Amino acid sequence: MGEYHRVTVEIGGHTLVLRTQNDPEYINKLAQYVDDKIKSLAEKNPKLSISQLALVTAINLADEIHSAKEKATRGAKKR
């Protein structure tokens, strides 16, 4: 198994320390992406709590993943 790294990230104003085998730069990019999504949603919906923002962001990201998978599947079927 690979080496574990401790990576400190800030998402939605909260600091998290993650233990991961992934490249720390990659984890920081992911955390920044999620933080940007939360900030964007917060600007449009200032009354939402951080918990609500996190949940809506999770649904939005799940939609992005699902849509990308469907698109990839359709592309593979056309070949």
Protein backbone atom coordinates (compact mmCIF):
# COMPACT_ATOMS: atom_id res chain seq x y z
CA MET A 1 0.00 0.00 0.00
CA GLY A 2 1.06 3.58 -0.62
CA GLU A 3 2.18 6.23 1.78
CA TYR A 4 -0.46 8.19 3.70
CA HIS A 5 -0.47 11.99 3.73
CA ARG A 6 -2.15 14.39 6.12
CA VAL A 7 -3.76 17.17 4.14
CA THR A 8 -5.39 20.20 5.76
CA VAL A 9 -8.13 21.81 3.69
CA GLU A 10 -10.76 24.48 4.26
CA ILE A 11 -14.25 23.93 2.93
CA GLY A 12 -17.19 26.16 3.73
CA GLY A 13 -15.24 27.95 6.42
CA HIS A 14 -14.37 24.70 8.20
CA THR A 15 -10.87 23.28 8.47
CA LEU A 16 -10.55 19.55 7.85
CA VAL A 17 -7.51 17.35 8.27
CA LEU A 18 -7.68 14.42 5.88
CA ARG A 19 -5.57 11.28 5.84
CA THR A 20 -5.20 10.03 2.29
CA GLN A 21 -3.01 8.07 -0.08
CA ASN A 22 -3.85 10.50 -2.86
CA ASP A 23 -1.53 13.29 -3.95
CA PRO A 24 -2.00 16.27 -1.58
CA GLU A 25 -2.19 18.68 -4.53
CA TYR A 26 -5.05 16.63 -5.98
CA ILE A 27 -6.90 16.69 -2.65
CA ASN A 28 -6.38 20.46 -2.40
CA LYS A 29 -7.83 20.89 -5.92
CA LEU A 30 -10.88 18.82 -4.98
CA ALA A 31 -11.37 20.77 -1.76
CA GLN A 32 -11.05 24.08 -3.60
CA TYR A 33 -13.62 22.92 -6.17
CA VAL A 34 -16.11 21.96 -3.45
CA ASP A 35 -15.44 25.20 -1.54
CA ASP A 36 -16.03 27.25 -4.70
CA LYS A 37 -19.34 25.43 -5.28
CA ILE A 38 -20.44 26.11 -1.68
CA LYS A 39 -19.45 29.79 -1.91
CA SER A 40 -21.33 30.20 -5.20
CA LEU A 41 -24.44 28.60 -3.74
CA ALA A 42 -24.14 30.71 -0.56
CA GLU A 43 -24.05 33.91 -2.61
CA LYS A 44 -27.32 32.94 -4.30
CA ASN A 45 -28.91 31.59 -1.09
CA PRO A 46 -27.57 33.59 1.87
CA LYS A 47 -30.16 32.23 4.31
CA LEU A 48 -29.01 28.61 4.01
CA SER A 49 -26.95 27.16 6.87
CA ILE A 50 -23.58 25.56 6.16
CA SER A 51 -25.22 22.14 6.60
CA GLN A 52 -27.86 22.98 4.02
CA LEU A 53 -25.23 24.40 1.68
CA ALA A 54 -23.16 21.23 2.02
CA LEU A 55 -26.16 18.99 1.29
CA VAL A 56 -27.32 20.96 -1.75
CA THR A 57 -23.73 21.08 -3.01
CA ALA A 58 -23.49 17.29 -2.57
CA ILE A 59 -26.64 16.83 -4.67
CA ASN A 60 -25.34 19.22 -7.33
CA LEU A 61 -22.00 17.37 -7.49
CA ALA A 62 -23.79 14.01 -7.66
CA ASP A 63 -25.78 15.40 -10.60
CA GLU A 64 -22.54 16.46 -12.32
CA ILE A 65 -21.08 12.97 -11.87
CA HIS A 66 -24.25 11.19 -12.98
CA SER A 67 -24.60 13.41 -16.07
CA ALA A 68 -20.95 12.86 -17.02
CA LYS A 69 -21.33 9.09 -16.64
CA GLU A 70 -24.47 9.06 -18.79
CA LYS A 71 -22.75 11.15 -21.44
CA ALA A 72 -19.73 8.82 -21.44
CA THR A 73 -22.00 5.77 -21.69
CA ARG A 74 -23.90 7.27 -24.64
CA GLY A 75 -20.59 8.09 -26.34
CA ALA A 76 -19.30 4.55 -25.83
CA LYS A 77 -22.50 3.04 -27.26
CA LYS A 78 -22.22 5.14 -30.44
CA ARG A 79 -18.85 3.58 -31.30
